[in-house]
Amino acid sequence: MEKIRMTTPLIEMDGDEMTRIIWKMIKDDLLLPFIDLKTIYYDLGLKNRDATGDQVTLEAAKATEQYGVAVKCATITPNRARMEEYHLKALYKSPNATLRSALDGTVFRGPIIVRGIDPYVRTWKKPIMLARHAYGDVYKNSEIKIGGAGKAELVYTEKDTGIEHRQLIHDFAGPGIVQGIHNTERSIRSFARTCFQYALDQKMDLWFSTKDTISKTYDGTFKEIFEEVYRKEYKDKYEAAGITYFYTLIDDAVARVIRSKGGFVWALKNYDGDVMSDMLATAFGSLAMMTSTLVSPHGAYEYEAAHGTVQRHYYKYLKGEKESTNSVATIFAWTGALKKRGELDENEALVHFAKSLEEATIETIESGKMTGDLAAITTLPNVTTLNTEEFILAIRDTLTAKLA
């Protein structure tokens, strides 16, 4: 069959370890036979980040802003052990955090629903999309270890006048710790608008939750900005679309989420979103079945899998041992990027191909062919456990039949 042509390239960000191996398999077996694939390639593998002083990550972010759509492989965020293993010059920041900061983006994560992989929460019938604010809070914190008795204060100095505003944090009688966090009104407004627009595009209700009863200024500002943006910019649009915006305290929201049927977008601050996204992924069945999309308020999109680099399987792969690594979320990162590129370029053939690949992936699993992690939790009878490459080739067979 004639290959599908692309008019505008994707930004492609390669990654690390087992997901880097899967990345190549997906391109070779599921994409290149069917698409005249156009990408601008950036190697975000840890060795290249070290060789470039991590400038390659910033270059990839700028290119994403320019071209509008990117797809990213999972990458290593190094700790001391990784620094020694890879002989790094520095402890580089998380590439995802760098990209989120550069794009001022919001991360949306959602489960890939497959028959036979049942949520642990029996009431959930529809996906719950989690929107995580991608700036500030504990991820941009400043910390001090207190050695003994003394006074810790919060100090803000006005730039124009030099006037100081002071507030006591704690009068220490002995050793302790203190932490300062911040956010900006600009970032919160971008977060709010992106969440409202995403939920409107998906035609799903939007929930937002903080703890404004305790954090009356910090969390209270989030609540006020969301209410203002909704009232001024989205209330009429939501009513016309038949969807709602709902605010509640985060502890109440957690209880409501567990009792719900799903089918909504849940917006959370940075740390809350970090924790709850892993909870949702596990409760829906598998972190390897969770998509992650970074959406910029300026209209750029970056797609990736929600999981990491699968280090344990990579070490087995290096030894020549057979491993069974789930590639579904990485496949859906590619299909998400291809669909968005096709939508923006009005390339219906590309959109149709991406949807067909998603359907082929789900149909392959529902036919009983799957990787070991899914075989361990499925309710389907008589399943066949495939290794990494066998699973991707089984998807290719299903896809080829669908396209034919």
Protein backbone atom coordinates (compact mmCIF):
# COMPACT_ATOMS: atom_id res chain seq x y z
CA MET A 1 0.00 0.00 0.00
CA GLU A 2 1.09 3.58 -0.60
CA LYS A 3 2.57 5.24 2.44
CA ILE A 4 0.67 8.08 4.12
CA ARG A 5 2.41 11.40 3.58
CA MET A 6 3.04 14.03 6.24
CA THR A 7 3.29 17.73 5.42
CA THR A 8 4.65 18.98 8.77
CA PRO A 9 7.15 17.09 10.95
CA LEU A 10 6.72 15.95 14.54
CA ILE A 11 9.32 16.78 17.15
CA GLU A 12 10.70 13.39 18.20
CA MET A 13 12.48 13.05 21.56
CA ASP A 14 14.25 9.74 22.06
CA GLY A 15 14.89 8.40 25.56
CA ASP A 16 16.54 5.78 27.72
CA GLU A 17 16.84 2.08 28.56
CA MET A 18 14.05 -0.37 27.67
CA THR A 19 11.70 2.32 26.38
CA ARG A 20 14.42 3.39 23.91
CA ILE A 21 14.47 -0.20 22.59
CA ILE A 22 10.66 -0.23 22.34
CA TRP A 23 10.74 3.19 20.64
CA LYS A 24 12.75 1.78 17.73
CA MET A 25 10.55 -1.33 17.49
CA ILE A 26 7.40 0.80 17.26
CA LYS A 27 8.91 2.97 14.53
CA ASP A 28 10.29 0.03 12.54
CA ASP A 29 7.26 -2.29 12.80
CA LEU A 30 4.19 -0.07 13.32
CA LEU A 31 4.95 3.30 11.74
CA LEU A 32 7.55 3.27 8.95
CA PRO A 33 5.87 0.50 6.90
CA PHE A 34 2.72 2.65 6.69
CA ILE A 35 3.77 6.32 6.99
CA ASP A 36 6.30 8.50 5.22
CA LEU A 37 7.27 9.60 8.73
CA LYS A 38 8.66 13.11 9.12
CA THR A 39 10.28 14.00 12.43
CA ILE A 40 12.87 16.42 13.77
CA TYR A 41 14.94 14.20 16.04
CA TYR A 42 16.34 15.10 19.46
CA ASP A 43 18.23 12.53 21.51
CA LEU A 44 17.20 13.05 25.14
CA GLY A 45 19.01 9.91 26.23
CA LEU A 46 21.03 10.54 29.38
CA LYS A 47 24.40 10.22 27.61
CA ASN A 48 23.51 12.92 25.08
CA ARG A 49 22.02 15.18 27.72
CA ASP A 50 25.34 14.91 29.55
CA ALA A 51 27.33 15.55 26.36
CA THR A 52 25.31 18.71 25.63
CA GLY A 53 25.06 19.98 29.20
CA ASP A 54 21.30 19.30 28.89
CA GLN A 55 20.96 21.99 26.20
CA VAL A 56 19.35 19.38 23.95
CA THR A 57 16.27 19.36 26.22
CA LEU A 58 15.84 23.14 25.92
CA GLU A 59 16.31 22.92 22.15
CA ALA A 60 13.60 20.24 21.97
CA ALA A 61 11.25 22.47 23.99
CA LYS A 62 11.83 25.42 21.63
CA ALA A 63 11.20 23.19 18.62
CA THR A 64 7.97 21.93 20.20
CA GLU A 65 6.78 25.51 20.58
CA GLN A 66 7.65 26.19 16.94
CA TYR A 67 6.08 23.10 15.36
CA GLY A 68 3.26 22.54 17.85
CA VAL A 69 3.38 18.74 18.29
CA ALA A 70 5.99 16.49 19.91
CA VAL A 71 6.28 12.87 20.97
CA LYS A 72 8.66 11.86 23.76
CA CYS A 73 10.18 8.60 24.95
CA ALA A 74 10.62 7.95 28.68
CA THR A 75 13.87 9.38 30.11
CA ILE A 76 16.04 8.95 33.20
CA THR A 77 16.07 11.59 35.92
CA PRO A 78 19.49 10.89 37.45
CA ASN A 79 20.21 10.38 41.14
CA ARG A 80 23.63 9.74 42.70
CA ALA A 81 23.61 6.09 41.66
CA ARG A 82 22.79 7.03 38.05
CA MET A 83 25.48 9.71 38.11
CA GLU A 84 28.08 7.07 38.92
CA GLU A 85 26.62 4.51 36.49
CA TYR A 86 26.69 6.93 33.54
CA HIS A 87 29.74 8.96 34.69
CA LEU A 88 27.76 12.19 34.48
CA LYS A 89 29.22 15.66 34.80
CA ALA A 90 26.19 16.88 36.81
CA LEU A 91 22.91 15.78 38.41
CA TYR A 92 20.61 17.00 35.64
CA LYS A 93 17.02 17.99 36.26
CA SER A 94 14.08 15.91 35.11
CA PRO A 95 13.63 16.44 31.34
CA ASN A 96 9.87 16.41 31.91
CA ALA A 97 10.16 19.21 34.48
CA THR A 98 12.33 21.22 32.07
CA LEU A 99 9.81 20.76 29.26
CA ARG A 100 6.86 21.63 31.52
CA SER A 101 8.58 24.79 32.70
CA ALA A 102 9.67 25.85 29.20
CA LEU A 103 6.19 25.31 27.72
CA ASP A 104 4.28 26.53 30.83
CA GLY A 105 2.21 23.42 30.25
CA THR A 106 -0.40 21.36 32.05
CA VAL A 107 -0.04 17.56 32.16
CA PHE A 108 -3.16 15.52 31.37
CA ARG A 109 -3.05 11.82 32.20
CA GLY A 110 -5.72 9.27 31.39
CA PRO A 111 -6.15 5.47 31.33
CA ILE A 112 -6.39 3.33 28.21
CA ILE A 113 -9.54 1.28 28.75
CA VAL A 114 -9.39 -2.36 27.57
CA ARG A 115 -11.92 -5.14 28.09
CA GLY A 116 -10.48 -7.69 30.51
CA ILE A 117 -8.30 -5.19 32.38
CA ASP A 118 -10.78 -4.14 35.04
CA PRO A 119 -10.30 -1.15 37.38
CA TYR A 120 -9.70 -2.02 41.02
CA VAL A 121 -12.44 0.49 41.87
CA ARG A 122 -15.53 -1.37 40.70
CA THR A 123 -17.67 1.76 40.25
CA TRP A 124 -15.39 3.22 37.55
CA LYS A 125 -16.91 2.71 34.10
CA LYS A 126 -15.36 5.67 32.22
CA PRO A 127 -11.86 7.20 32.13
CA ILE A 128 -10.84 9.83 34.68
CA MET A 129 -8.48 12.35 33.09
CA LEU A 130 -6.13 13.96 35.61
CA ALA A 131 -4.81 17.49 34.95
CA ARG A 132 -1.66 18.33 36.91
CA HIS A 133 -0.40 21.89 37.25
CA ALA A 134 3.18 21.74 36.04
CA TYR A 135 4.78 24.65 37.86
CA GLY A 136 5.87 25.64 41.36
CA ASP A 137 4.93 24.25 44.76
CA VAL A 138 7.40 21.76 46.29
CA TYR A 139 9.11 21.23 42.90
CA LYS A 140 10.47 24.80 43.00
CA ASN A 141 10.97 24.93 46.76
CA SER A 142 13.67 26.43 48.96
CA GLU A 143 14.62 24.50 52.11
CA ILE A 144 16.72 25.13 55.19
CA LYS A 145 17.73 22.71 57.92
CA ILE A 146 17.47 24.52 61.25
CA GLY A 147 20.43 23.80 63.53
CA GLY A 148 19.06 25.19 66.77
CA ALA A 149 16.97 27.86 68.46
CA GLY A 150 16.06 30.79 66.22
CA LYS A 151 13.33 32.56 64.29
CA ALA A 152 12.25 31.65 60.73
CA GLU A 153 10.39 34.34 58.78
CA LEU A 154 8.73 34.76 55.40
CA VAL A 155 10.12 37.94 53.80
CA TYR A 156 8.95 39.72 50.64
CA THR A 157 10.78 42.86 49.48
CA GLU A 158 9.01 45.15 46.99
CA LYS A 159 11.24 45.73 43.98
CA ASP A 160 10.28 49.38 43.36
CA THR A 161 10.14 50.67 46.95
CA GLY A 162 12.35 48.27 48.87
CA ILE A 163 9.61 47.91 51.50
CA GLU A 164 9.81 44.59 53.37
CA HIS A 165 6.83 42.47 54.39
CA ARG A 166 7.58 39.95 57.15
CA GLN A 167 5.62 37.10 58.63
CA LEU A 168 6.73 34.68 61.31
CA ILE A 169 6.85 31.06 60.20
CA HIS A 170 8.04 29.57 63.49
CA ASP A 171 10.09 30.46 66.53
CA PHE A 172 12.31 27.40 66.90
CA ALA A 173 13.36 26.24 70.37
CA GLY A 174 15.66 23.63 68.84
CA PRO A 175 16.60 21.90 65.57
CA GLY A 176 14.02 21.58 62.81
CA ILE A 177 13.34 22.22 59.14
CA VAL A 178 11.66 24.97 57.09
CA GLN A 179 10.49 25.10 53.48
CA GLY A 180 9.36 27.89 51.18
CA ILE A 181 7.22 27.36 48.07
CA HIS A 182 5.77 29.74 45.51
CA ASN A 183 3.58 30.08 42.46
CA THR A 184 2.71 32.87 40.02
CA GLU A 185 -0.67 34.26 39.07
CA ARG A 186 0.31 34.01 35.40
CA SER A 187 1.00 30.27 35.68
CA ILE A 188 -2.19 29.59 37.65
CA ARG A 189 -4.28 31.43 35.04
CA SER A 190 -2.63 29.47 32.24
CA PHE A 191 -3.34 26.26 34.14
CA ALA A 192 -6.99 27.19 34.66
CA ARG A 193 -7.59 28.16 31.02
CA THR A 194 -5.88 25.02 29.72
CA CYS A 195 -8.00 22.82 32.01
CA PHE A 196 -11.27 24.52 31.08
CA GLN A 197 -10.47 24.33 27.36
CA TYR A 198 -9.31 20.69 27.48
CA ALA A 199 -12.46 19.59 29.33
CA LEU A 200 -14.59 21.56 26.86
CA ASP A 201 -12.82 19.92 23.89
CA GLN A 202 -13.36 16.49 25.45
CA LYS A 203 -16.96 17.38 26.46
CA MET A 204 -16.26 16.21 30.01
CA ASP A 205 -17.09 17.83 33.36
CA LEU A 206 -14.18 19.58 35.10
CA TRP A 207 -13.48 19.05 38.80
CA PHE A 208 -10.94 21.15 40.70
CA SER A 209 -9.84 20.65 44.30
CA THR A 210 -7.41 22.23 46.76
CA LYS A 211 -7.32 22.75 50.55
CA ASP A 212 -8.34 26.42 50.73
CA THR A 213 -9.88 26.03 54.21
CA ILE A 214 -6.36 25.51 55.61
CA SER A 215 -4.22 27.34 53.03
CA LYS A 216 -6.49 30.37 52.75
CA THR A 217 -4.06 32.51 50.72
CA TYR A 218 -2.03 30.01 48.65
CA ASP A 219 -4.72 27.45 47.81
CA GLY A 220 -7.38 30.13 48.10
CA THR A 221 -5.78 32.03 45.22
CA PHE A 222 -5.99 28.93 43.02
CA LYS A 223 -9.70 28.61 43.85
CA GLU A 224 -10.41 32.29 43.19
CA ILE A 225 -8.63 32.32 39.83
CA PHE A 226 -10.42 29.18 38.65
CA GLU A 227 -13.79 30.66 39.62
CA GLU A 228 -12.98 33.95 37.89
CA VAL A 229 -11.80 32.32 34.65
CA TYR A 230 -14.86 30.06 34.61
CA ARG A 231 -17.31 32.88 35.26
CA LYS A 232 -15.82 35.32 32.72
CA GLU A 233 -14.68 32.98 29.94
CA TYR A 234 -16.26 29.53 30.10
CA LYS A 235 -19.62 29.54 31.96
CA ASP A 236 -21.73 30.12 28.84
CA LYS A 237 -19.65 27.66 26.79
CA TYR A 238 -20.03 24.94 29.44
CA GLU A 239 -23.78 25.45 29.73
CA ALA A 240 -24.12 25.27 25.94
CA ALA A 241 -22.06 22.05 25.87
CA GLY A 242 -24.06 20.51 28.73
CA ILE A 243 -21.03 20.07 31.00
CA THR A 244 -20.27 21.48 34.45
CA TYR A 245 -17.42 22.93 36.51
CA PHE A 246 -17.26 21.67 40.10
CA TYR A 247 -15.01 22.75 43.00
CA THR A 248 -14.58 20.93 46.30
CA LEU A 249 -11.90 20.36 48.95
CA ILE A 250 -9.33 17.76 47.98
CA ASP A 251 -10.22 15.31 50.76
CA ASP A 252 -13.88 15.45 49.73
CA ALA A 253 -12.83 15.12 46.06
CA VAL A 254 -10.88 11.92 46.78
CA ALA A 255 -13.97 10.36 48.39
CA ARG A 256 -16.17 11.49 45.49
CA VAL A 257 -13.70 10.17 42.89
CA ILE A 258 -13.70 6.70 44.47
CA ARG A 259 -17.51 6.61 44.50
CA SER A 260 -17.88 8.04 40.98
CA LYS A 261 -18.43 6.32 37.63
CA GLY A 262 -15.60 8.36 36.08
CA GLY A 263 -15.96 10.37 32.90
CA PHE A 264 -14.54 13.73 34.03
CA VAL A 265 -11.32 15.79 34.13
CA TRP A 266 -9.85 16.23 37.63
CA ALA A 267 -7.56 19.28 37.96
CA LEU A 268 -5.00 19.35 40.77
CA LYS A 269 -2.03 21.36 41.96
CA ASN A 270 1.46 20.10 41.17
CA TYR A 271 2.15 17.76 44.12
CA ASP A 272 -1.45 16.56 44.42
CA GLY A 273 -1.46 15.74 40.71
CA ASP A 274 1.86 13.91 40.95
CA VAL A 275 0.54 11.60 43.69
CA MET A 276 -3.01 11.11 42.42
CA SER A 277 -1.93 10.36 38.84
CA ASP A 278 -0.04 7.28 40.05
CA MET A 279 -3.00 6.29 42.22
CA LEU A 280 -5.37 6.54 39.25
CA ALA A 281 -2.97 4.64 36.98
CA THR A 282 -2.66 1.75 39.42
CA ALA A 283 -6.37 1.72 40.26
CA PHE A 284 -7.29 1.56 36.57
CA GLY A 285 -5.05 -1.48 36.21
CA SER A 286 -1.55 -0.50 35.07
CA LEU A 287 0.77 2.48 34.83
CA ALA A 288 1.81 1.03 31.46
CA MET A 289 -1.75 1.72 30.27
CA MET A 290 -1.72 5.45 31.10
CA THR A 291 -1.23 8.26 28.59
CA SER A 292 0.40 11.60 29.39
CA THR A 293 -0.08 14.79 27.37
CA LEU A 294 1.60 18.12 28.09
CA VAL A 295 -0.58 20.97 26.79
CA SER A 296 0.81 24.48 26.50
CA PRO A 297 -1.56 27.48 26.83
CA HIS A 298 -0.05 28.66 23.53
CA GLY A 299 -1.26 25.58 21.67
CA ALA A 300 1.70 23.17 21.74
CA TYR A 301 1.24 19.47 22.58
CA GLU A 302 3.78 16.91 23.79
CA TYR A 303 2.75 13.23 24.08
CA GLU A 304 4.47 10.49 26.08
CA ALA A 305 3.86 7.41 28.20
CA ALA A 306 3.17 8.02 31.88
CA HIS A 307 5.69 5.38 33.03
CA GLY A 308 9.46 5.36 33.31
CA THR A 309 12.28 3.68 31.40
CA VAL A 310 11.65 0.11 32.70
CA GLN A 311 15.18 -0.30 34.05
CA ARG A 312 14.81 -3.88 35.30
CA HIS A 313 13.71 -5.17 31.90
CA TYR A 314 16.52 -3.26 30.20
CA TYR A 315 19.16 -5.05 32.28
CA LYS A 316 17.58 -8.37 31.29
CA TYR A 317 17.63 -7.26 27.65
CA LEU A 318 21.35 -6.45 27.88
CA LYS A 319 21.97 -9.99 29.14
CA GLY A 320 20.16 -11.38 26.11
CA GLU A 321 17.22 -12.60 28.18
CA LYS A 322 13.65 -12.45 26.87
CA GLU A 323 11.51 -9.81 28.54
CA SER A 324 7.83 -8.94 28.23
CA THR A 325 7.59 -5.15 28.38
CA ASN A 326 4.25 -3.41 27.87
CA SER A 327 4.53 -0.95 24.97
CA VAL A 328 0.89 0.25 24.91
CA ALA A 329 1.36 3.68 26.50
CA THR A 330 4.35 4.41 24.23
CA ILE A 331 2.33 3.35 21.17
CA PHE A 332 -0.46 5.69 22.29
CA ALA A 333 2.06 8.51 22.71
CA TRP A 334 2.87 8.14 19.02
CA THR A 335 -0.78 7.84 17.98
CA GLY A 336 -1.73 10.88 20.08
CA ALA A 337 0.96 12.96 18.39
CA LEU A 338 0.08 11.67 14.92
CA LYS A 339 -3.63 12.39 15.46
CA LYS A 340 -2.93 15.93 16.63
CA ARG A 341 -0.50 16.54 13.73
CA GLY A 342 -3.12 15.20 11.33
CA GLU A 343 -5.86 17.38 12.86
CA LEU A 344 -3.74 20.54 12.66
CA ASP A 345 -2.67 19.78 9.07
CA GLU A 346 -6.15 18.57 8.01
CA ASN A 347 -4.53 15.26 7.07
CA GLU A 348 -7.45 12.82 7.42
CA ALA A 349 -5.38 9.83 6.30
CA LEU A 350 -2.90 10.37 9.13
CA VAL A 351 -5.70 10.75 11.71
CA HIS A 352 -7.37 7.57 10.42
CA PHE A 353 -4.10 5.64 10.60
CA ALA A 354 -3.45 6.75 14.21
CA LYS A 355 -6.97 5.72 15.26
CA SER A 356 -6.58 2.40 13.47
CA LEU A 357 -3.32 1.70 15.32
CA GLU A 358 -5.00 2.42 18.66
CA GLU A 359 -7.89 0.11 17.75
CA ALA A 360 -5.47 -2.60 16.60
CA THR A 361 -3.57 -2.39 19.90
CA ILE A 362 -6.73 -2.75 21.97
CA GLU A 363 -8.14 -5.52 19.75
CA THR A 364 -4.88 -7.48 20.05
CA ILE A 365 -5.12 -7.41 23.84
CA GLU A 366 -8.83 -8.22 23.86
CA SER A 367 -8.12 -11.21 21.58
CA GLY A 368 -5.99 -12.64 24.41
CA LYS A 369 -2.52 -11.67 23.17
CA MET A 370 -0.71 -9.49 25.70
CA THR A 371 2.45 -8.84 27.70
CA GLY A 372 3.16 -10.48 31.05
CA ASP A 373 2.05 -7.58 33.24
CA LEU A 374 -1.43 -7.62 31.68
CA ALA A 375 -1.66 -11.41 31.65
CA ALA A 376 -1.15 -11.32 35.43
CA ILE A 377 -4.20 -9.11 36.04
CA THR A 378 -6.60 -9.84 33.16
CA THR A 379 -10.01 -11.42 33.63
CA LEU A 380 -9.93 -12.83 30.07
CA PRO A 381 -9.60 -16.63 29.84
CA ASN A 382 -6.91 -18.55 27.95
CA VAL A 383 -4.57 -15.65 27.24
CA THR A 384 -1.23 -15.89 25.47
CA THR A 385 1.73 -14.12 27.09
CA LEU A 386 4.04 -12.58 24.50
CA ASN A 387 7.48 -11.05 24.84
CA THR A 388 8.11 -7.42 23.89
CA GLU A 389 8.77 -7.93 20.19
CA GLU A 390 6.12 -10.63 19.74
CA PHE A 391 3.46 -8.30 21.14
CA ILE A 392 4.38 -5.45 18.78
CA LEU A 393 4.41 -7.86 15.81
CA ALA A 394 0.97 -9.19 16.85
CA ILE A 395 -0.32 -5.61 16.80
CA ARG A 396 1.19 -5.16 13.33
CA ASP A 397 -0.71 -8.19 12.07
CA THR A 398 -3.98 -6.80 13.45
CA LEU A 399 -3.23 -3.35 12.01
CA THR A 400 -2.35 -4.71 8.57
CA ALA A 401 -5.65 -6.60 8.43
CA LYS A 402 -7.60 -3.50 9.49
CA LEU A 403 -5.96 -1.26 6.92
CA ALA A 404 -6.41 -3.83 4.17
